[in-house]
C-alpha atoms as a PDB file:
ATOM      1  CA  MET A   1      -9.941   2.554  21.063  1.00  0.00           C
ATOM      2  CA  GLY A   2      -9.707   0.000  18.302  1.00  0.00           C
ATOM      3  CA  ASP A   3      -6.513  -2.088  17.541  1.00  0.00           C
ATOM      4  CA  ARG A   4      -7.548  -2.649  13.967  1.00  0.00           C
ATOM      5  CA  GLY A   5      -4.645  -2.137  11.401  1.00  0.00           C
ATOM      6  CA  VAL A   6      -4.620   0.407   8.575  1.00  0.00           C
ATOM      7  CA  LEU A   7      -4.602  -0.425   5.033  1.00  0.00           C
ATOM      8  CA  THR A   8      -1.835   1.438   3.610  1.00  0.00           C
ATOM      9  CA  VAL A   9      -1.053   2.057   0.063  1.00  0.00           C
ATOM     10  CA  ILE A  10       2.415   3.247  -1.083  1.00  0.00           C
ATOM     11  CA  SER A  11       3.159   4.500  -4.335  1.00  0.00           C
ATOM     12  CA  GLY A  12       5.985   6.601  -5.976  1.00  0.00           C
ATOM     13  CA  PHE A  13       7.903   7.099  -9.307  1.00  0.00           C
ATOM     14  CA  ALA A  14      10.454   4.694 -10.236  1.00  0.00           C
ATOM     15  CA  GLY A  15      13.618   5.460  -8.373  1.00  0.00           C
ATOM     16  CA  THR A  16      12.284   7.006  -5.344  1.00  0.00           C
ATOM     17  CA  GLY A  17      13.111   3.971  -3.140  1.00  0.00           C
ATOM     18  CA  LYS A  18       9.611   2.799  -2.504  1.00  0.00           C
ATOM     19  CA  GLY A  19      10.745  -0.886  -1.895  1.00  0.00           C
ATOM     20  CA  THR A  20      13.510   0.491   0.584  1.00  0.00           C
ATOM     21  CA  ILE A  21      10.804   2.303   2.698  1.00  0.00           C
ATOM     22  CA  VAL A  22       8.588  -0.734   2.818  1.00  0.00           C
ATOM     23  CA  LYS A  23      11.478  -3.024   3.862  1.00  0.00           C
ATOM     24  CA  GLY A  24      12.469  -0.393   6.542  1.00  0.00           C
ATOM     25  CA  LEU A  25       8.944  -0.384   7.912  1.00  0.00           C
ATOM     26  CA  MET A  26       8.855  -4.047   8.097  1.00  0.00           C
ATOM     27  CA  GLU A  27      12.331  -4.208   9.696  1.00  0.00           C
ATOM     28  CA  LYS A  28      11.962  -1.423  12.240  1.00  0.00           C
ATOM     29  CA  TYR A  29       8.375  -2.036  13.352  1.00  0.00           C
ATOM     30  CA  ASP A  30       6.770  -5.125  14.327  1.00  0.00           C
ATOM     31  CA  ASN A  31       2.912  -4.259  13.306  1.00  0.00           C
ATOM     32  CA  TYR A  32       3.567  -4.245   9.638  1.00  0.00           C
ATOM     33  CA  ALA A  33       2.332  -7.000   7.016  1.00  0.00           C
ATOM     34  CA  LEU A  34       3.126  -6.945   3.307  1.00  0.00           C
ATOM     35  CA  SER A  35       0.092  -7.905   1.114  1.00  0.00           C
ATOM     36  CA  VAL A  36       0.576 -11.254  -0.541  1.00  0.00           C
ATOM     37  CA  SER A  37      -0.900 -11.177  -4.125  1.00  0.00           C
ATOM     38  CA  MET A  38      -2.665 -14.052  -5.590  1.00  0.00           C
ATOM     39  CA  THR A  39      -1.509 -15.267  -9.228  1.00  0.00           C
ATOM     40  CA  THR A  40      -2.106 -17.968 -11.595  1.00  0.00           C
ATOM     41  CA  ARG A  41       1.534 -17.890 -12.953  1.00  0.00           C
ATOM     42  CA  SER A  42       3.706 -21.073 -11.922  1.00  0.00           C
ATOM     43  CA  PRO A  43       6.145 -20.527  -8.915  1.00  0.00           C
ATOM     44  CA  ARG A  44       9.700 -19.562  -9.677  1.00  0.00           C
ATOM     45  CA  PRO A  45      12.667 -21.312  -7.834  1.00  0.00           C
ATOM     46  CA  GLY A  46      12.734 -20.156  -4.411  1.00  0.00           C
ATOM     47  CA  GLU A  47       9.247 -18.686  -4.436  1.00  0.00           C
ATOM     48  CA  GLU A  48       6.875 -20.265  -1.402  1.00  0.00           C
ATOM     49  CA  ASN A  49       3.291 -20.548  -1.531  1.00  0.00           C
ATOM     50  CA  GLY A  50       1.617 -18.046   0.904  1.00  0.00           C
ATOM     51  CA  LYS A  51       4.629 -16.055   1.196  1.00  0.00           C
ATOM     52  CA  SER A  52       5.779 -14.839  -2.210  1.00  0.00           C
ATOM     53  CA  TYR A  53       2.440 -15.327  -3.751  1.00  0.00           C
ATOM     54  CA  PHE A  54      -0.756 -17.375  -3.452  1.00  0.00           C
ATOM     55  CA  PHE A  55      -0.383 -19.814  -6.490  1.00  0.00           C
ATOM     56  CA  VAL A  56      -3.530 -21.033  -7.718  1.00  0.00           C
ATOM     57  CA  SER A  57      -5.192 -22.248 -11.024  1.00  0.00           C
ATOM     58  CA  ARG A  58      -7.131 -19.865 -13.271  1.00  0.00           C
ATOM     59  CA  GLU A  59     -10.417 -21.712 -12.481  1.00  0.00           C
ATOM     60  CA  GLU A  60      -9.826 -20.879  -8.824  1.00  0.00           C
ATOM     61  CA  PHE A  61      -8.709 -17.326  -9.324  1.00  0.00           C
ATOM     62  CA  GLU A  62     -11.747 -16.608 -11.600  1.00  0.00           C
ATOM     63  CA  LYS A  63     -13.986 -18.182  -9.018  1.00  0.00           C
ATOM     64  CA  THR A  64     -12.626 -15.710  -6.627  1.00  0.00           C
ATOM     65  CA  ILE A  65     -13.236 -12.818  -8.721  1.00  0.00           C
ATOM     66  CA  GLU A  66     -17.067 -14.021  -8.947  1.00  0.00           C
ATOM     67  CA  GLU A  67     -17.321 -14.035  -5.417  1.00  0.00           C
ATOM     68  CA  ASP A  68     -15.832 -10.755  -4.788  1.00  0.00           C
ATOM     69  CA  GLY A  69     -12.915 -12.202  -2.900  1.00  0.00           C
ATOM     70  CA  LEU A  70     -10.077  -9.705  -4.576  1.00  0.00           C
ATOM     71  CA  ILE A  71      -9.619  -5.997  -3.638  1.00  0.00           C
ATOM     72  CA  GLU A  72      -8.220  -5.401  -7.082  1.00  0.00           C
ATOM     73  CA  TYR A  73      -6.920  -7.584  -9.827  1.00  0.00           C
ATOM     74  CA  ALA A  74      -5.289  -7.463 -13.346  1.00  0.00           C
ATOM     75  CA  GLU A  75      -4.177  -9.670 -16.193  1.00  0.00           C
ATOM     76  CA  TYR A  76      -0.462  -9.484 -17.204  1.00  0.00           C
ATOM     77  CA  VAL A  77       0.938 -11.759 -20.202  1.00  0.00           C
ATOM     78  CA  GLY A  78      -1.916 -14.227 -19.923  1.00  0.00           C
ATOM     79  CA  ASN A  79      -1.707 -14.609 -15.912  1.00  0.00           C
ATOM     80  CA  TYR A  80      -3.877 -13.029 -13.370  1.00  0.00           C
ATOM     81  CA  TYR A  81      -2.483 -10.983 -10.405  1.00  0.00           C
ATOM     82  CA  GLY A  82      -4.738  -9.849  -7.579  1.00  0.00           C
ATOM     83  CA  THR A  83      -4.924  -8.828  -3.768  1.00  0.00           C
ATOM     84  CA  PRO A  84      -7.048 -11.239  -1.715  1.00  0.00           C
ATOM     85  CA  LYS A  85      -9.536  -9.468   0.417  1.00  0.00           C
ATOM     86  CA  ALA A  86      -9.325 -12.344   3.045  1.00  0.00           C
ATOM     87  CA  TYR A  87      -5.752 -12.190   3.641  1.00  0.00           C
ATOM     88  CA  VAL A  88      -5.893  -8.463   4.072  1.00  0.00           C
ATOM     89  CA  GLU A  89      -8.838  -8.379   6.113  1.00  0.00           C
ATOM     90  CA  GLU A  90      -7.223 -11.022   8.530  1.00  0.00           C
ATOM     91  CA  LYS A  91      -4.095  -9.331   9.014  1.00  0.00           C
ATOM     92  CA  MET A  92      -5.976  -5.891   9.834  1.00  0.00           C
ATOM     93  CA  LYS A  93      -8.153  -7.518  12.287  1.00  0.00           C
ATOM     94  CA  ALA A  94      -4.997  -8.822  13.953  1.00  0.00           C
ATOM     95  CA  GLY A  95      -3.614  -5.150  14.276  1.00  0.00           C
ATOM     96  CA  PHE A  96      -1.268  -5.366  11.313  1.00  0.00           C
ATOM     97  CA  ASN A  97      -0.997  -2.340   9.080  1.00  0.00           C
ATOM     98  CA  VAL A  98      -1.211  -3.967   5.685  1.00  0.00           C
ATOM     99  CA  ILE A  99       1.004  -2.457   2.826  1.00  0.00           C
ATOM    100  CA  LEU A 100       0.097  -2.419  -0.855  1.00  0.00           C
ATOM    101  CA  GLU A 101       2.895  -1.191  -3.050  1.00  0.00           C
ATOM    102  CA  ILE A 102       0.921  -0.410  -6.261  1.00  0.00           C
ATOM    103  CA  GLU A 103       0.584   2.467  -8.879  1.00  0.00           C
ATOM    104  CA  ILE A 104      -1.773   5.368  -9.010  1.00  0.00           C
ATOM    105  CA  GLN A 105      -4.669   3.949 -10.874  1.00  0.00           C
ATOM    106  CA  GLY A 106      -4.581   0.743  -8.403  1.00  0.00           C
ATOM    107  CA  ALA A 107      -4.457   3.210  -5.594  1.00  0.00           C
ATOM    108  CA  ARG A 108      -7.484   5.051  -6.788  1.00  0.00           C
ATOM    109  CA  ASN A 109      -9.403   1.861  -6.984  1.00  0.00           C
ATOM    110  CA  ILE A 110      -8.429   0.836  -3.436  1.00  0.00           C
ATOM    111  CA  LYS A 111      -9.663   4.094  -2.184  1.00  0.00           C
ATOM    112  CA  LYS A 112     -13.094   3.228  -3.736  1.00  0.00           C
ATOM    113  CA  ILE A 113     -13.249   0.221  -1.896  1.00  0.00           C
ATOM    114  CA  TYR A 114     -11.580   1.031   1.432  1.00  0.00           C
ATOM    115  CA  PRO A 115     -12.315   4.699   2.025  1.00  0.00           C
ATOM    116  CA  ASP A 116     -10.242   4.361   5.357  1.00  0.00           C
ATOM    117  CA  ALA A 117      -7.088   3.459   3.290  1.00  0.00           C
ATOM    118  CA  VAL A 118      -4.129   5.623   3.761  1.00  0.00           C
ATOM    119  CA  LEU A 119      -2.527   6.552   0.414  1.00  0.00           C
ATOM    120  CA  ILE A 120       0.938   7.866   0.958  1.00  0.00           C
ATOM    121  CA  PHE A 121       3.187   8.991  -2.254  1.00  0.00           C
ATOM    122  CA  ILE A 122       6.929   8.721  -1.767  1.00  0.00           C
ATOM    123  CA  MET A 123       8.517  11.810  -3.365  1.00  0.00           C
ATOM    124  CA  PRO A 124      12.097  12.411  -4.400  1.00  0.00           C
ATOM    125  CA  PRO A 125      13.696  15.833  -3.162  1.00  0.00           C
ATOM    126  CA  GLY A 126      13.691  17.031  -6.670  1.00  0.00           C
ATOM    127  CA  ALA A 127      13.550  15.978 -10.440  1.00  0.00           C
ATOM    128  CA  ASP A 128      17.546  16.275 -10.539  1.00  0.00           C
ATOM    129  CA  GLU A 129      17.893  13.732  -7.654  1.00  0.00           C
ATOM    130  CA  LEU A 130      15.409  11.206  -9.111  1.00  0.00           C
ATOM    131  CA  GLU A 131      17.349  11.217 -12.346  1.00  0.00           C
ATOM    132  CA  ASP A 132      20.501  10.877 -10.510  1.00  0.00           C
ATOM    133  CA  ARG A 133      19.269   7.826  -8.487  1.00  0.00           C
ATOM    134  CA  LEU A 134      17.998   6.303 -11.846  1.00  0.00           C
ATOM    135  CA  ARG A 135      21.523   6.682 -13.333  1.00  0.00           C
ATOM    136  CA  GLY A 136      23.241   5.649 -10.035  1.00  0.00           C
ATOM    137  CA  ARG A 137      21.601   2.158 -10.514  1.00  0.00           C
ATOM    138  CA  GLY A 138      23.883   1.489 -13.357  1.00  0.00           C
ATOM    139  CA  THR A 139      21.476  -1.061 -14.776  1.00  0.00           C
ATOM    140  CA  GLU A 140      19.416   1.273 -17.030  1.00  0.00           C
ATOM    141  CA  THR A 141      20.136   2.523 -20.477  1.00  0.00           C
ATOM    142  CA  ASP A 142      19.717   6.344 -21.530  1.00  0.00           C
ATOM    143  CA  ASP A 143      16.482   5.453 -23.311  1.00  0.00           C
ATOM    144  CA  VAL A 144      15.092   3.673 -20.137  1.00  0.00           C
ATOM    145  CA  ILE A 145      15.811   6.377 -17.941  1.00  0.00           C
ATOM    146  CA  ARG A 146      14.190   8.924 -20.379  1.00  0.00           C
ATOM    147  CA  LYS A 147      11.042   6.903 -20.671  1.00  0.00           C
ATOM    148  CA  ARG A 148      11.078   6.561 -16.499  1.00  0.00           C
ATOM    149  CA  MET A 149      11.424  10.170 -16.363  1.00  0.00           C
ATOM    150  CA  ASP A 150       8.562  10.771 -18.882  1.00  0.00           C
ATOM    151  CA  ARG A 151       6.326   8.441 -16.924  1.00  0.00           C
ATOM    152  CA  ALA A 152       7.091  10.290 -13.687  1.00  0.00           C
ATOM    153  CA  ALA A 153       6.022  13.586 -15.312  1.00  0.00           C
ATOM    154  CA  LEU A 154       2.751  11.919 -16.252  1.00  0.00           C
ATOM    155  CA  GLU A 155       2.229  10.353 -12.705  1.00  0.00           C
ATOM    156  CA  SER A 156       2.984  13.548 -11.069  1.00  0.00           C
ATOM    157  CA  ASP A 157      -0.638  14.796 -12.091  1.00  0.00           C
ATOM    158  CA  GLY A 158      -2.113  12.173  -9.829  1.00  0.00           C
ATOM    159  CA  ILE A 159      -0.238  13.010  -6.666  1.00  0.00           C
ATOM    160  CA  GLU A 160      -3.070  15.209  -5.270  1.00  0.00           C
ATOM    161  CA  ASP A 161      -5.231  12.018  -5.190  1.00  0.00           C
ATOM    162  CA  TYR A 162      -3.196  10.778  -2.328  1.00  0.00           C
ATOM    163  CA  ASP A 163      -3.752  11.465   1.368  1.00  0.00           C
ATOM    164  CA  TYR A 164      -0.116  12.297   2.226  1.00  0.00           C
ATOM    165  CA  ILE A 165       3.311  12.597   0.652  1.00  0.00           C
ATOM    166  CA  ALA A 166       6.607  11.541   2.308  1.00  0.00           C
ATOM    167  CA  VAL A 167       9.740  12.957   0.860  1.00  0.00           C
ATOM    168  CA  ASN A 168      12.658  10.245   0.795  1.00  0.00           C
ATOM    169  CA  ASP A 169      15.636  12.380   1.114  1.00  0.00           C
ATOM    170  CA  GLU A 170      17.081  10.492   4.144  1.00  0.00           C
ATOM    171  CA  ILE A 171      15.910   6.758   4.356  1.00  0.00           C
ATOM    172  CA  ASP A 172      15.625   6.463   8.101  1.00  0.00           C
ATOM    173  CA  LYS A 173      13.702   9.808   8.434  1.00  0.00           C
ATOM    174  CA  CYS A 174      11.326   8.759   5.578  1.00  0.00           C
ATOM    175  CA  VAL A 175      10.454   5.484   7.298  1.00  0.00           C
ATOM    176  CA  SER A 176       9.947   7.391  10.320  1.00  0.00           C
ATOM    177  CA  ASP A 177       7.666  10.018   8.602  1.00  0.00           C
ATOM    178  CA  VAL A 178       5.556   7.140   6.908  1.00  0.00           C
ATOM    179  CA  HIS A 179       5.134   5.248  10.347  1.00  0.00           C
ATOM    180  CA  THR A 180       4.094   8.521  12.038  1.00  0.00           C
ATOM    181  CA  ILE A 181       1.450   9.211   9.306  1.00  0.00           C
ATOM    182  CA  ILE A 182      -0.084   5.583   9.689  1.00  0.00           C
ATOM    183  CA  GLU A 183      -0.059   5.734  13.376  1.00  0.00           C
ATOM    184  CA  ALA A 184      -1.765   9.170  13.060  1.00  0.00           C
ATOM    185  CA  ALA A 185      -4.371   7.882  10.666  1.00  0.00           C
ATOM    186  CA  LYS A 186      -5.503   5.663  13.334  1.00  0.00           C
ATOM    187  CA  MET A 187      -6.892   8.275  15.379  1.00  0.00           C
ATOM    188  CA  ARG A 188      -9.267   9.539  12.835  1.00  0.00           C
ATOM    189  CA  PRO A 189     -12.881   9.532  14.032  1.00  0.00           C
ATOM    190  CA  GLN A 190     -14.050   6.995  11.131  1.00  0.00           C
ATOM    191  CA  MET A 191     -11.417   4.724  12.401  1.00  0.00           C
ATOM    192  CA  ASN A 192     -12.926   4.777  16.037  1.00  0.00           C
ATOM    193  CA  GLU A 193     -16.580   4.665  15.558  1.00  0.00           C
ATOM    194  CA  GLU A 194     -17.263   1.931  18.376  1.00  0.00           C
ATOM    195  CA  PHE A 195     -15.159   4.031  20.815  1.00  0.00           C
ATOM    196  CA  ILE A 196     -16.898   7.174  20.091  1.00  0.00           C
ATOM    197  CA  ASN A 197     -20.240   5.895  20.203  1.00  0.00           C
ATOM    198  CA  LYS A 198     -19.550   4.240  23.460  1.00  0.00           C
ATOM    199  CA  VAL A 199     -18.442   7.533  25.167  1.00  0.00           C
ATOM    200  CA  ARG A 200     -21.497   9.417  23.500  1.00  0.00           C
ATOM    201  CA  GLU A 201     -23.933   6.986  24.875  1.00  0.00           C
ATOM    202  CA  GLY A 202     -22.320   7.467  28.404  1.00  0.00           C
ATOM    203  CA  LEU A 203     -22.589  11.203  28.023  1.00  0.00           C
ATOM    204  CA  LYS A 204     -26.298  10.829  26.965  1.00  0.00           C
ATOM    205  CA  LYS A 205     -26.983   8.831  30.108  1.00  0.00           C
ATOM    206  CA  LYS A 206     -25.319  11.288  32.265  1.00  0.00           C
ATOM    207  CA  ALA A 207     -26.752  14.300  30.636  1.00  0.00           C
ATOM    208  CA  SER A 208     -30.451  12.755  31.221  1.00  0.00           C
ATOM    209  CA  ARG A 209     -30.144  12.396  34.863  1.00  0.00           C
END
């Protein structure tokens, strides 16, 4: 069986605890890697090149685009941000499950480029719980909370595009559920073509004797 890691996309509404789930996976298991984005913006205090981001010039970023070296990219407020293919491929080849924490449109694009990617949508137990969590932060105004809930209502129409959902009712259980999904995905036939072909050839040889 192959030891290649799985490209995993994790999405969810604001307030569902996506970041906490990702952090839990990284802390609990040793076969996960967070995708490191490439950007043309300047490093902020405390940010390390290759760890926080890959900091590059605009020319270098555009050259990477031309060479098809990015899985996805976008431009925000005059700066480029993107996911380098080489980094993701290198980590997966080494056996790491690479996590991309992105929104629905980006997830759809990833699936077009990597059909084997596993798309997981983190769900709240319900709408009331989601609103309670947003209010519980104590950092959002009523207007911001209303906008986040409106956005969640719109985003909910794209959940069926995902391969799996995981309900974040209890953090440890949700982390365990997500890990189980990713490990099970490694058993899919398309992830094990080399092994299947090897067994198939052996069977054909025995059948022809």
